[in-house]
Amino acid sequence: MFASPLIEDVVLRPLEPWRAEEFLAHQERAREHIRPWVGPSFMATDLESARAVLQRYADRWAQDSGGIWGIWDGWRLVGGVMFVSFDATLGQCEVGCWLEPDAEGRGLVSRAVTTLIDWAVLERGVARVEWHTNARNERSLAVARRLGFSLDGPRSSGRSASAGGREDDMQVWSVLADDWRARR
């Protein structure tokens, strides 16, 4: 098993299906905070659905089309990052994140996403990394800017499942591999 240190006592490691109970407990703590920003299929309501979410990402990892990693502060799961999609053949991927409110403001998401992008660009040769976010999610927009992503434009305007069915604009941000390497 691997763990990648982010800051003192905080590590990034695979969030595997056998961690479903821990993932569910984490989601109970974070539910109201992250609900406006994540899709309903990500929100677990019981142990079975928590295992299903993690299994879906484990299957994507096995198929080389996605993956999910948790951020642990000590022994407590406080958030995570994922490849929402990953296609080495096309040379593109989408990264995403979530975090409990108590863990915000420490740069954990920026560090964790950097780890994923470094691997995608430097190890797998991905040419373009995307970041999709709700236009009202100021914290997500700040991470995209901080990491050097550029706004491509709106993805859609209309009803958003993660926004509880209200109208919200979604934005697509991206960074190209050459720009990423130049910043690193």
N, C-alpha and C. Protein backbone atom coordinates (compact mmCIF):
# COMPACT_ATOMS: atom_id res chain seq x y z
N MET A 1 0.84 -1.17 0.00
CA MET A 1 0.00 0.00 0.00
C MET A 1 0.89 1.24 0.00
N PHE A 2 0.47 2.25 -0.72
CA PHE A 2 1.25 3.47 -0.74
C PHE A 2 0.49 4.58 -0.03
N ALA A 3 1.25 5.52 0.47
CA ALA A 3 0.69 6.76 1.02
C ALA A 3 1.62 7.87 0.61
N SER A 4 1.07 8.93 0.07
CA SER A 4 1.86 10.07 -0.35
C SER A 4 1.63 11.21 0.64
N PRO A 5 2.68 11.66 1.33
CA PRO A 5 2.48 12.74 2.30
C PRO A 5 2.11 14.04 1.60
N LEU A 6 1.15 14.76 2.20
CA LEU A 6 0.76 16.08 1.68
C LEU A 6 1.34 17.19 2.54
N ILE A 7 1.10 17.10 3.84
CA ILE A 7 1.74 17.94 4.85
C ILE A 7 1.92 17.05 6.08
N GLU A 8 2.51 17.58 7.13
CA GLU A 8 2.74 16.77 8.32
C GLU A 8 1.45 16.12 8.81
N ASP A 9 1.49 14.80 8.97
CA ASP A 9 0.37 13.99 9.48
C ASP A 9 -0.82 13.89 8.54
N VAL A 10 -0.69 14.35 7.30
CA VAL A 10 -1.77 14.25 6.32
C VAL A 10 -1.24 13.51 5.10
N VAL A 11 -1.94 12.44 4.70
CA VAL A 11 -1.50 11.63 3.56
C VAL A 11 -2.62 11.41 2.57
N LEU A 12 -2.20 11.12 1.36
CA LEU A 12 -3.09 10.75 0.26
C LEU A 12 -2.86 9.28 -0.01
N ARG A 13 -3.93 8.49 -0.04
CA ARG A 13 -3.79 7.06 -0.36
C ARG A 13 -5.07 6.56 -1.02
N PRO A 14 -5.00 5.39 -1.66
CA PRO A 14 -6.18 4.86 -2.35
C PRO A 14 -7.38 4.74 -1.41
N LEU A 15 -8.53 5.07 -1.95
CA LEU A 15 -9.78 4.94 -1.20
C LEU A 15 -10.51 3.74 -1.80
N GLU A 16 -10.23 2.57 -1.23
CA GLU A 16 -10.67 1.31 -1.79
C GLU A 16 -12.00 0.86 -1.18
N PRO A 17 -12.72 -0.04 -1.87
CA PRO A 17 -14.04 -0.48 -1.40
C PRO A 17 -14.06 -1.01 0.04
N TRP A 18 -12.98 -1.62 0.49
CA TRP A 18 -12.98 -2.15 1.85
C TRP A 18 -13.02 -1.03 2.89
N ARG A 19 -12.86 0.22 2.46
CA ARG A 19 -12.93 1.37 3.37
C ARG A 19 -14.33 2.01 3.37
N ALA A 20 -15.33 1.27 2.91
CA ALA A 20 -16.69 1.82 2.77
C ALA A 20 -17.25 2.37 4.08
N GLU A 21 -17.03 1.69 5.18
CA GLU A 21 -17.56 2.15 6.46
C GLU A 21 -16.95 3.51 6.84
N GLU A 22 -15.66 3.62 6.64
CA GLU A 22 -14.97 4.88 6.93
C GLU A 22 -15.44 5.99 5.98
N PHE A 23 -15.63 5.65 4.71
CA PHE A 23 -16.11 6.60 3.71
C PHE A 23 -17.52 7.09 4.07
N LEU A 24 -18.37 6.19 4.50
CA LEU A 24 -19.72 6.55 4.90
C LEU A 24 -19.70 7.50 6.11
N ALA A 25 -18.89 7.19 7.11
CA ALA A 25 -18.78 8.05 8.28
C ALA A 25 -18.29 9.45 7.88
N HIS A 26 -17.33 9.49 6.98
CA HIS A 26 -16.82 10.77 6.48
C HIS A 26 -17.94 11.53 5.76
N GLN A 27 -18.69 10.84 4.91
CA GLN A 27 -19.75 11.52 4.18
C GLN A 27 -20.83 12.05 5.13
N GLU A 28 -21.09 11.34 6.20
CA GLU A 28 -22.06 11.85 7.19
C GLU A 28 -21.58 13.17 7.77
N ARG A 29 -20.27 13.30 8.03
CA ARG A 29 -19.73 14.55 8.56
C ARG A 29 -19.75 15.66 7.51
N ALA A 30 -19.55 15.31 6.25
CA ALA A 30 -19.37 16.30 5.18
C ALA A 30 -20.62 16.54 4.34
N ARG A 31 -21.65 15.72 4.53
CA ARG A 31 -22.79 15.67 3.61
C ARG A 31 -23.36 17.04 3.24
N GLU A 32 -23.76 17.82 4.18
CA GLU A 32 -24.42 19.10 3.87
C GLU A 32 -23.45 20.09 3.24
N HIS A 33 -22.19 19.96 3.56
CA HIS A 33 -21.17 20.86 3.03
C HIS A 33 -20.87 20.57 1.56
N ILE A 34 -20.81 19.29 1.19
CA ILE A 34 -20.42 18.94 -0.18
C ILE A 34 -21.61 18.70 -1.10
N ARG A 35 -22.80 18.47 -0.54
CA ARG A 35 -23.97 18.14 -1.36
C ARG A 35 -24.21 19.12 -2.51
N PRO A 36 -24.07 20.44 -2.33
CA PRO A 36 -24.34 21.35 -3.46
C PRO A 36 -23.36 21.20 -4.62
N TRP A 37 -22.24 20.55 -4.39
CA TRP A 37 -21.17 20.56 -5.39
C TRP A 37 -20.90 19.22 -6.03
N VAL A 38 -21.41 18.14 -5.49
CA VAL A 38 -21.14 16.81 -6.06
C VAL A 38 -22.43 16.20 -6.59
N GLY A 39 -22.29 15.29 -7.51
CA GLY A 39 -23.46 14.62 -8.07
C GLY A 39 -24.09 13.66 -7.08
N PRO A 40 -25.38 13.39 -7.24
CA PRO A 40 -26.07 12.50 -6.31
C PRO A 40 -25.51 11.08 -6.30
N SER A 41 -24.92 10.63 -7.38
CA SER A 41 -24.38 9.27 -7.41
C SER A 41 -23.14 9.13 -6.53
N PHE A 42 -22.55 10.24 -6.11
CA PHE A 42 -21.39 10.20 -5.24
C PHE A 42 -21.79 10.12 -3.77
N MET A 43 -22.99 10.55 -3.45
CA MET A 43 -23.44 10.63 -2.06
C MET A 43 -23.96 9.28 -1.58
N ALA A 44 -23.27 8.72 -0.61
CA ALA A 44 -23.66 7.43 -0.03
C ALA A 44 -24.64 7.66 1.12
N THR A 45 -25.63 6.80 1.22
CA THR A 45 -26.62 6.92 2.29
C THR A 45 -26.57 5.76 3.27
N ASP A 46 -25.89 4.69 2.89
CA ASP A 46 -25.74 3.53 3.76
C ASP A 46 -24.47 2.79 3.33
N LEU A 47 -24.14 1.74 4.06
CA LEU A 47 -22.90 1.01 3.79
C LEU A 47 -22.88 0.43 2.38
N GLU A 48 -24.00 -0.08 1.92
CA GLU A 48 -24.07 -0.66 0.58
C GLU A 48 -23.78 0.40 -0.50
N SER A 49 -24.38 1.57 -0.37
CA SER A 49 -24.15 2.61 -1.38
C SER A 49 -22.74 3.19 -1.27
N ALA A 50 -22.17 3.24 -0.08
CA ALA A 50 -20.79 3.69 0.09
C ALA A 50 -19.84 2.72 -0.61
N ARG A 51 -20.08 1.43 -0.42
CA ARG A 51 -19.25 0.42 -1.08
C ARG A 51 -19.41 0.52 -2.59
N ALA A 52 -20.62 0.78 -3.06
CA ALA A 52 -20.87 0.89 -4.50
C ALA A 52 -20.12 2.07 -5.11
N VAL A 53 -20.11 3.21 -4.42
CA VAL A 53 -19.36 4.37 -4.93
C VAL A 53 -17.89 4.02 -5.07
N LEU A 54 -17.33 3.44 -4.01
CA LEU A 54 -15.90 3.11 -4.05
C LEU A 54 -15.60 2.00 -5.06
N GLN A 55 -16.51 1.06 -5.20
CA GLN A 55 -16.31 -0.02 -6.18
C GLN A 55 -16.34 0.53 -7.60
N ARG A 56 -17.21 1.49 -7.84
CA ARG A 56 -17.29 2.12 -9.17
C ARG A 56 -15.93 2.73 -9.55
N TYR A 57 -15.30 3.42 -8.59
CA TYR A 57 -13.98 4.01 -8.87
C TYR A 57 -12.89 2.95 -8.94
N ALA A 58 -13.00 1.89 -8.15
CA ALA A 58 -12.03 0.79 -8.24
C ALA A 58 -12.11 0.13 -9.62
N ASP A 59 -13.32 -0.03 -10.12
CA ASP A 59 -13.51 -0.59 -11.46
C ASP A 59 -12.92 0.33 -12.52
N ARG A 60 -13.13 1.64 -12.36
CA ARG A 60 -12.55 2.59 -13.31
C ARG A 60 -11.03 2.52 -13.28
N TRP A 61 -10.45 2.39 -12.08
CA TRP A 61 -9.00 2.28 -11.96
C TRP A 61 -8.50 1.02 -12.68
N ALA A 62 -9.20 -0.09 -12.49
CA ALA A 62 -8.83 -1.34 -13.15
C ALA A 62 -8.95 -1.24 -14.66
N GLN A 63 -9.87 -0.40 -15.14
CA GLN A 63 -10.07 -0.21 -16.58
C GLN A 63 -9.25 0.96 -17.12
N ASP A 64 -8.42 1.58 -16.28
CA ASP A 64 -7.59 2.72 -16.66
C ASP A 64 -8.44 3.89 -17.14
N SER A 65 -9.58 4.11 -16.44
CA SER A 65 -10.48 5.18 -16.87
C SER A 65 -10.90 6.11 -15.73
N GLY A 66 -10.27 6.01 -14.57
CA GLY A 66 -10.59 6.86 -13.43
C GLY A 66 -9.94 6.33 -12.17
N GLY A 67 -10.29 6.88 -11.04
CA GLY A 67 -9.73 6.42 -9.76
C GLY A 67 -10.07 7.39 -8.66
N ILE A 68 -9.90 6.95 -7.40
CA ILE A 68 -10.25 7.79 -6.25
C ILE A 68 -9.23 7.56 -5.13
N TRP A 69 -8.86 8.66 -4.46
CA TRP A 69 -7.90 8.62 -3.35
C TRP A 69 -8.44 9.46 -2.22
N GLY A 70 -8.21 8.99 -1.01
CA GLY A 70 -8.66 9.71 0.18
C GLY A 70 -7.54 10.56 0.76
N ILE A 71 -7.94 11.61 1.45
CA ILE A 71 -7.02 12.45 2.21
C ILE A 71 -7.28 12.15 3.68
N TRP A 72 -6.25 11.63 4.36
CA TRP A 72 -6.36 11.29 5.78
C TRP A 72 -5.54 12.27 6.60
N ASP A 73 -6.19 12.85 7.59
CA ASP A 73 -5.52 13.70 8.57
C ASP A 73 -5.36 12.84 9.81
N GLY A 74 -4.14 12.36 10.01
CA GLY A 74 -3.93 11.34 11.03
C GLY A 74 -4.63 10.08 10.56
N TRP A 75 -5.57 9.59 11.36
CA TRP A 75 -6.31 8.38 10.98
C TRP A 75 -7.73 8.69 10.54
N ARG A 76 -8.04 9.96 10.30
CA ARG A 76 -9.40 10.37 9.94
C ARG A 76 -9.48 10.79 8.47
N LEU A 77 -10.38 10.16 7.75
CA LEU A 77 -10.64 10.53 6.36
C LEU A 77 -11.35 11.88 6.35
N VAL A 78 -10.76 12.89 5.66
CA VAL A 78 -11.34 14.23 5.66
C VAL A 78 -11.74 14.71 4.27
N GLY A 79 -11.43 13.94 3.24
CA GLY A 79 -11.78 14.35 1.88
C GLY A 79 -11.08 13.46 0.88
N GLY A 80 -11.02 13.94 -0.34
CA GLY A 80 -10.35 13.15 -1.35
C GLY A 80 -10.31 13.83 -2.70
N VAL A 81 -9.66 13.15 -3.61
CA VAL A 81 -9.53 13.60 -4.99
C VAL A 81 -9.77 12.40 -5.90
N MET A 82 -10.10 12.70 -7.15
CA MET A 82 -10.36 11.60 -8.06
C MET A 82 -10.09 12.01 -9.49
N PHE A 83 -9.86 10.98 -10.31
CA PHE A 83 -9.96 11.14 -11.74
C PHE A 83 -11.41 10.79 -12.05
N VAL A 84 -12.20 11.80 -12.34
CA VAL A 84 -13.60 11.57 -12.71
C VAL A 84 -13.62 10.78 -14.01
N SER A 85 -12.70 11.14 -14.89
CA SER A 85 -12.48 10.39 -16.13
C SER A 85 -10.99 10.41 -16.42
N PHE A 86 -10.54 9.40 -17.14
CA PHE A 86 -9.12 9.31 -17.49
C PHE A 86 -9.02 8.52 -18.79
N ASP A 87 -8.38 9.11 -19.79
CA ASP A 87 -8.21 8.44 -21.07
C ASP A 87 -6.81 8.73 -21.60
N ALA A 88 -5.90 7.81 -21.35
CA ALA A 88 -4.51 8.00 -21.78
C ALA A 88 -4.41 7.99 -23.30
N THR A 89 -5.26 7.24 -23.97
CA THR A 89 -5.23 7.18 -25.43
C THR A 89 -5.55 8.55 -26.03
N LEU A 90 -6.57 9.21 -25.51
CA LEU A 90 -6.92 10.55 -25.97
C LEU A 90 -6.04 11.63 -25.33
N GLY A 91 -5.34 11.25 -24.26
CA GLY A 91 -4.45 12.20 -23.60
C GLY A 91 -5.17 13.24 -22.77
N GLN A 92 -6.29 12.84 -22.17
CA GLN A 92 -7.02 13.80 -21.34
C GLN A 92 -7.66 13.13 -20.14
N CYS A 93 -7.90 13.95 -19.12
CA CYS A 93 -8.57 13.46 -17.92
C CYS A 93 -9.28 14.63 -17.25
N GLU A 94 -10.16 14.27 -16.32
CA GLU A 94 -10.83 15.26 -15.49
C GLU A 94 -10.54 14.92 -14.03
N VAL A 95 -10.12 15.91 -13.26
CA VAL A 95 -9.88 15.72 -11.84
C VAL A 95 -11.01 16.37 -11.05
N GLY A 96 -11.26 15.86 -9.86
CA GLY A 96 -12.27 16.41 -8.97
C GLY A 96 -11.84 16.25 -7.53
N CYS A 97 -12.58 16.86 -6.62
CA CYS A 97 -12.20 16.82 -5.20
C CYS A 97 -13.41 17.06 -4.32
N TRP A 98 -13.23 16.83 -3.03
CA TRP A 98 -14.20 17.19 -2.00
C TRP A 98 -13.45 17.21 -0.68
N LEU A 99 -13.98 17.95 0.29
CA LEU A 99 -13.29 18.09 1.57
C LEU A 99 -14.28 18.47 2.66
N GLU A 100 -14.06 17.93 3.85
CA GLU A 100 -14.86 18.34 5.00
C GLU A 100 -14.52 19.79 5.35
N PRO A 101 -15.48 20.53 5.91
CA PRO A 101 -15.21 21.94 6.24
C PRO A 101 -14.06 22.12 7.23
N ASP A 102 -13.91 21.22 8.19
CA ASP A 102 -12.85 21.37 9.19
C ASP A 102 -11.45 21.23 8.59
N ALA A 103 -11.35 20.67 7.41
CA ALA A 103 -10.04 20.45 6.78
C ALA A 103 -9.68 21.53 5.77
N GLU A 104 -10.59 22.46 5.54
CA GLU A 104 -10.35 23.50 4.54
C GLU A 104 -9.30 24.50 5.02
N GLY A 105 -8.72 25.19 4.04
CA GLY A 105 -7.81 26.28 4.34
C GLY A 105 -6.38 25.87 4.63
N ARG A 106 -6.04 24.62 4.36
CA ARG A 106 -4.68 24.13 4.65
C ARG A 106 -3.93 23.72 3.38
N GLY A 107 -4.55 23.91 2.23
CA GLY A 107 -3.90 23.56 0.97
C GLY A 107 -3.93 22.08 0.65
N LEU A 108 -4.77 21.31 1.33
CA LEU A 108 -4.78 19.86 1.13
C LEU A 108 -5.25 19.48 -0.26
N VAL A 109 -6.32 20.12 -0.73
CA VAL A 109 -6.84 19.80 -2.07
C VAL A 109 -5.83 20.17 -3.13
N SER A 110 -5.24 21.35 -3.01
CA SER A 110 -4.24 21.77 -4.02
C SER A 110 -3.07 20.79 -4.07
N ARG A 111 -2.59 20.36 -2.93
CA ARG A 111 -1.48 19.40 -2.89
C ARG A 111 -1.90 18.04 -3.46
N ALA A 112 -3.08 17.58 -3.09
CA ALA A 112 -3.54 16.27 -3.56
C ALA A 112 -3.79 16.28 -5.07
N VAL A 113 -4.44 17.34 -5.57
CA VAL A 113 -4.69 17.44 -7.01
C VAL A 113 -3.37 17.54 -7.76
N THR A 114 -2.41 18.26 -7.22
CA THR A 114 -1.09 18.36 -7.84
C THR A 114 -0.47 16.97 -7.99
N THR A 115 -0.61 16.13 -6.97
CA THR A 115 -0.08 14.77 -7.03
C THR A 115 -0.72 14.01 -8.19
N LEU A 116 -2.04 14.12 -8.34
CA LEU A 116 -2.72 13.43 -9.44
C LEU A 116 -2.29 13.96 -10.80
N ILE A 117 -2.23 15.28 -10.93
CA ILE A 117 -1.86 15.86 -12.22
C ILE A 117 -0.42 15.52 -12.57
N ASP A 118 0.49 15.58 -11.60
CA ASP A 118 1.88 15.20 -11.87
C ASP A 118 1.94 13.78 -12.44
N TRP A 119 1.22 12.87 -11.82
CA TRP A 119 1.22 11.48 -12.29
C TRP A 119 0.64 11.39 -13.70
N ALA A 120 -0.50 12.05 -13.92
CA ALA A 120 -1.16 11.98 -15.23
C ALA A 120 -0.28 12.55 -16.33
N VAL A 121 0.33 13.68 -16.07
CA VAL A 121 1.14 14.36 -17.09
C VAL A 121 2.52 13.71 -17.22
N LEU A 122 3.21 13.53 -16.11
CA LEU A 122 4.60 13.08 -16.14
C LEU A 122 4.76 11.57 -16.36
N GLU A 123 3.84 10.79 -15.79
CA GLU A 123 3.95 9.33 -15.92
C GLU A 123 3.14 8.76 -17.08
N ARG A 124 1.97 9.33 -17.31
CA ARG A 124 1.06 8.76 -18.30
C ARG A 124 0.98 9.54 -19.60
N GLY A 125 1.59 10.71 -19.65
CA GLY A 125 1.62 11.48 -20.88
C GLY A 125 0.32 12.18 -21.25
N VAL A 126 -0.52 12.43 -20.26
CA VAL A 126 -1.77 13.16 -20.53
C VAL A 126 -1.42 14.58 -20.98
N ALA A 127 -2.11 15.04 -22.01
CA ALA A 127 -1.84 16.36 -22.59
C ALA A 127 -2.76 17.45 -22.06
N ARG A 128 -3.92 17.07 -21.55
CA ARG A 128 -4.91 18.06 -21.09
C ARG A 128 -5.62 17.52 -19.86
N VAL A 129 -5.69 18.36 -18.83
CA VAL A 129 -6.40 18.02 -17.60
C VAL A 129 -7.54 19.02 -17.44
N GLU A 130 -8.74 18.50 -17.19
CA GLU A 130 -9.91 19.36 -17.01
C GLU A 130 -10.36 19.38 -15.56
N TRP A 131 -11.02 20.50 -15.22
CA TRP A 131 -11.60 20.72 -13.90
C TRP A 131 -13.00 21.26 -14.16
N HIS A 132 -14.04 20.51 -13.84
CA HIS A 132 -15.43 20.94 -14.04
C HIS A 132 -15.97 21.39 -12.69
N THR A 133 -16.60 22.55 -12.66
CA THR A 133 -17.12 23.04 -11.39
C THR A 133 -18.35 23.91 -11.59
N ASN A 134 -19.13 23.96 -10.54
CA ASN A 134 -20.27 24.86 -10.48
C ASN A 134 -19.73 26.28 -10.40
N ALA A 135 -20.27 27.19 -11.18
CA ALA A 135 -19.78 28.57 -11.22
C ALA A 135 -19.94 29.29 -9.88
N ARG A 136 -20.76 28.76 -8.98
CA ARG A 136 -20.94 29.37 -7.65
C ARG A 136 -19.98 28.81 -6.61
N ASN A 137 -19.22 27.78 -6.95
CA ASN A 137 -18.34 27.13 -5.98
C ASN A 137 -17.01 27.89 -5.90
N GLU A 138 -16.99 28.91 -5.08
CA GLU A 138 -15.82 29.79 -4.98
C GLU A 138 -14.55 29.05 -4.57
N ARG A 139 -14.68 28.09 -3.67
CA ARG A 139 -13.47 27.35 -3.22
C ARG A 139 -12.89 26.52 -4.37
N SER A 140 -13.75 25.90 -5.15
CA SER A 140 -13.30 25.12 -6.29
C SER A 140 -12.67 26.02 -7.35
N LEU A 141 -13.28 27.15 -7.60
CA LEU A 141 -12.73 28.11 -8.57
C LEU A 141 -11.35 28.59 -8.12
N ALA A 142 -11.18 28.81 -6.82
CA ALA A 142 -9.90 29.26 -6.29
C ALA A 142 -8.81 28.21 -6.50
N VAL A 143 -9.16 26.93 -6.31
CA VAL A 143 -8.18 25.86 -6.54
C VAL A 143 -7.78 25.83 -8.01
N ALA A 144 -8.76 25.91 -8.90
CA ALA A 144 -8.46 25.90 -10.34
C ALA A 144 -7.50 27.03 -10.69
N ARG A 145 -7.77 28.21 -10.20
CA ARG A 145 -6.88 29.36 -10.48
C ARG A 145 -5.50 29.14 -9.87
N ARG A 146 -5.46 28.69 -8.62
CA ARG A 146 -4.20 28.50 -7.91
C ARG A 146 -3.30 27.50 -8.64
N LEU A 147 -3.91 26.49 -9.25
CA LEU A 147 -3.13 25.46 -9.93
C LEU A 147 -2.83 25.80 -11.39
N GLY A 148 -3.24 26.97 -11.83
CA GLY A 148 -2.90 27.40 -13.18
C GLY A 148 -3.85 26.96 -14.27
N PHE A 149 -5.04 26.53 -13.91
CA PHE A 149 -6.05 26.19 -14.90
C PHE A 149 -6.58 27.47 -15.55
N SER A 150 -7.01 27.37 -16.79
CA SER A 150 -7.63 28.48 -17.50
C SER A 150 -9.10 28.14 -17.75
N LEU A 151 -9.94 29.15 -17.66
CA LEU A 151 -11.37 28.95 -17.91
C LEU A 151 -11.60 28.78 -19.40
N ASP A 152 -12.15 27.62 -19.78
CA ASP A 152 -12.51 27.36 -21.17
C ASP A 152 -13.86 27.96 -21.48
N GLY A 153 -14.77 27.91 -20.52
CA GLY A 153 -16.10 28.46 -20.72
C GLY A 153 -17.15 27.63 -20.01
N PRO A 154 -18.41 28.00 -20.22
CA PRO A 154 -19.48 27.24 -19.58
C PRO A 154 -19.65 25.87 -20.23
N ARG A 155 -19.94 24.87 -19.41
CA ARG A 155 -20.23 23.54 -19.92
C ARG A 155 -21.70 23.44 -20.28
N SER A 156 -22.51 23.99 -19.42
CA SER A 156 -23.94 23.95 -19.67
C SER A 156 -24.60 24.97 -18.77
N SER A 157 -25.77 25.31 -19.13
CA SER A 157 -26.59 26.14 -18.26
C SER A 157 -27.92 25.43 -18.17
N GLY A 158 -28.37 25.21 -16.99
CA GLY A 158 -29.63 24.49 -16.83
C GLY A 158 -29.72 23.89 -15.46
N ARG A 159 -30.59 22.94 -15.30
CA ARG A 159 -30.80 22.29 -14.01
C ARG A 159 -29.61 21.41 -13.67
N SER A 160 -29.13 21.54 -12.47
CA SER A 160 -27.97 20.79 -12.01
C SER A 160 -28.42 19.79 -10.95
N ALA A 161 -28.12 18.51 -11.16
CA ALA A 161 -28.49 17.48 -10.18
C ALA A 161 -27.80 17.75 -8.85
N SER A 162 -26.51 18.18 -8.89
CA SER A 162 -25.80 18.41 -7.64
C SER A 162 -26.30 19.65 -6.93
N ALA A 163 -26.96 20.55 -7.65
CA ALA A 163 -27.49 21.77 -7.04
C ALA A 163 -28.93 21.60 -6.61
N GLY A 164 -29.39 20.38 -6.51
CA GLY A 164 -30.74 20.12 -6.06
C GLY A 164 -31.81 20.50 -7.07
N GLY A 165 -31.43 20.50 -8.34
CA GLY A 165 -32.39 20.76 -9.40
C GLY A 165 -32.55 22.23 -9.78
N ARG A 166 -31.86 23.13 -9.08
CA ARG A 166 -31.99 24.54 -9.47
C ARG A 166 -31.04 24.83 -10.64
N GLU A 167 -31.27 25.96 -11.29
CA GLU A 167 -30.42 26.33 -12.42
C GLU A 167 -29.07 26.80 -11.91
N ASP A 168 -28.03 26.26 -12.46
CA ASP A 168 -26.66 26.64 -12.13
C ASP A 168 -25.80 26.50 -13.36
N ASP A 169 -24.90 27.42 -13.52
CA ASP A 169 -23.93 27.32 -14.61
C ASP A 169 -22.76 26.47 -14.17
N MET A 170 -22.34 25.59 -15.05
CA MET A 170 -21.15 24.79 -14.82
C MET A 170 -20.05 25.36 -15.69
N GLN A 171 -18.81 25.27 -15.20
CA GLN A 171 -17.67 25.77 -15.95
C GLN A 171 -16.67 24.65 -16.17
N VAL A 172 -15.97 24.73 -17.30
CA VAL A 172 -14.87 23.83 -17.59
C VAL A 172 -13.58 24.66 -17.59
N TRP A 173 -12.64 24.21 -16.78
CA TRP A 173 -11.31 24.80 -16.71
C TRP A 173 -10.34 23.74 -17.20
N SER A 174 -9.19 24.15 -17.70
CA SER A 174 -8.22 23.15 -18.14
C SER A 174 -6.80 23.69 -18.01
N VAL A 175 -5.87 22.75 -17.98
CA VAL A 175 -4.46 23.07 -18.03
C VAL A 175 -3.82 22.07 -19.00
N LEU A 176 -2.97 22.58 -19.87
CA LEU A 176 -2.26 21.73 -20.82
C LEU A 176 -0.95 21.25 -20.21
N ALA A 177 -0.51 20.09 -20.63
CA ALA A 177 0.69 19.48 -20.06
C ALA A 177 1.90 20.40 -20.14
N ASP A 178 2.10 21.06 -21.27
CA ASP A 178 3.26 21.95 -21.40
C ASP A 178 3.20 23.08 -20.38
N ASP A 179 2.02 23.63 -20.17
CA ASP A 179 1.86 24.70 -19.19
C ASP A 179 2.07 24.17 -17.78
N TRP A 180 1.58 22.96 -17.50
CA TRP A 180 1.75 22.34 -16.19
C TRP A 180 3.23 22.12 -15.89
N ARG A 181 3.94 21.54 -16.87
CA ARG A 181 5.38 21.30 -16.65
C ARG A 181 6.13 22.60 -16.46
N ALA A 182 5.77 23.65 -17.17
CA ALA A 182 6.44 24.94 -17.04
C ALA A 182 6.23 25.53 -15.65
N ARG A 183 5.05 25.34 -15.07
CA ARG A 183 4.76 25.84 -13.73
C ARG A 183 5.46 25.03 -12.65
N ARG A 184 5.70 23.76 -12.91
CA ARG A 184 6.29 22.87 -11.90
C ARG A 184 7.78 23.05 -11.85
